[in-house]
Amino acid sequence: MTVSFIVTSYNYADYISETIESIKNQTYKDLEIIVVDDFSDDNSVEILEKTEGIKFIKHDKNRGQLASIITGLKEARGEFV
């Protein structure tokens, strides 16, 4: 049973790697991590493009957190989100 984690990001370069590692360090391993970047203007995108084990989606303009969550929900394949 897969669990989908949706992580929204907007200028979170200082925190995004730690957030993803925290999810990866869970004892339950059947999971997918979807990260939606909402058109950050810091180096979040560069960090996320190098991060393995995630599905990375980036918006082409800033749409807000709710739109990022909806984008992630559309991509989620897990039985639980």
Protein backbone atom coordinates (compact mmCIF):
# COMPACT_ATOMS: atom_id res chain seq x y z
CA MET A 1 0.00 0.00 0.00
CA THR A 2 1.67 3.18 -1.21
CA VAL A 3 1.54 6.44 0.72
CA SER A 4 1.94 9.67 -1.27
CA PHE A 5 3.59 12.69 0.35
CA ILE A 6 2.90 16.03 -1.28
CA VAL A 7 5.42 18.72 -0.42
CA THR A 8 4.79 22.28 -1.57
CA SER A 9 7.75 24.61 -1.94
CA TYR A 10 8.13 28.33 -2.47
CA ASN A 11 11.57 29.77 -1.71
CA TYR A 12 12.31 26.98 0.79
CA ALA A 13 15.90 26.31 -0.30
CA ASP A 14 17.07 26.41 3.32
CA TYR A 15 14.59 23.71 4.39
CA ILE A 16 13.60 21.55 1.42
CA SER A 17 16.42 18.99 1.61
CA GLU A 18 15.83 18.40 5.31
CA THR A 19 12.10 18.00 4.68
CA ILE A 20 12.63 15.39 1.97
CA GLU A 21 15.21 13.49 4.02
CA SER A 22 12.80 13.39 6.94
CA ILE A 23 10.19 11.73 4.74
CA LYS A 24 12.71 9.27 3.30
CA ASN A 25 13.82 8.29 6.82
CA GLN A 26 10.39 7.01 7.80
CA THR A 27 10.25 3.34 8.72
CA TYR A 28 7.46 2.75 6.20
CA LYS A 29 9.14 2.52 2.81
CA ASP A 30 6.32 2.09 0.27
CA LEU A 31 5.94 5.76 -0.45
CA GLU A 32 6.20 8.36 -3.16
CA ILE A 33 7.33 11.92 -2.64
CA ILE A 34 5.87 14.58 -4.89
CA VAL A 35 7.40 18.04 -4.61
CA VAL A 36 5.63 20.95 -6.29
CA ASP A 37 7.63 24.15 -6.58
CA ASP A 38 5.49 27.26 -6.94
CA PHE A 39 7.87 29.32 -9.11
CA SER A 40 10.55 29.94 -6.48
CA ASP A 41 13.09 32.67 -7.13
CA ASP A 42 15.76 31.29 -4.80
CA ASN A 43 17.82 28.16 -5.57
CA SER A 44 15.09 25.69 -4.55
CA VAL A 45 14.67 24.47 -8.13
CA GLU A 46 18.37 23.69 -8.50
CA ILE A 47 18.30 21.69 -5.27
CA LEU A 48 15.16 19.79 -6.25
CA GLU A 49 16.40 18.98 -9.74
CA LYS A 50 19.39 17.19 -8.15
CA THR A 51 17.33 15.34 -5.54
CA GLU A 52 16.86 11.64 -6.22
CA GLY A 53 13.81 9.64 -5.25
CA ILE A 54 11.21 12.36 -5.76
CA LYS A 55 8.75 13.35 -8.44
CA PHE A 56 9.47 17.03 -9.05
CA ILE A 57 6.94 19.38 -10.62
CA LYS A 58 7.47 23.09 -11.07
CA HIS A 59 4.84 25.69 -11.83
CA ASP A 60 5.51 28.15 -14.65
CA LYS A 61 4.16 31.01 -12.52
CA ASN A 62 3.32 31.56 -8.86
CA ARG A 63 -0.14 30.10 -8.25
CA GLY A 64 -0.27 29.80 -4.48
CA GLN A 65 -0.09 26.91 -2.06
CA LEU A 66 -3.58 25.55 -2.74
CA ALA A 67 -2.81 25.26 -6.45
CA SER A 68 0.43 23.44 -5.57
CA ILE A 69 -1.47 20.99 -3.40
CA ILE A 70 -3.99 20.35 -6.18
CA THR A 71 -1.16 19.79 -8.67
CA GLY A 72 0.36 17.25 -6.29
CA LEU A 73 -2.97 15.52 -5.70
CA LYS A 74 -3.42 15.06 -9.45
CA GLU A 75 -0.06 13.27 -9.63
CA ALA A 76 -0.44 11.17 -6.47
CA ARG A 77 -0.74 7.42 -7.03
CA GLY A 78 -0.82 6.24 -3.43
CA GLU A 79 -3.79 4.79 -1.61
CA PHE A 80 -3.18 7.38 1.11
CA VAL A 81 -2.01 10.98 0.73
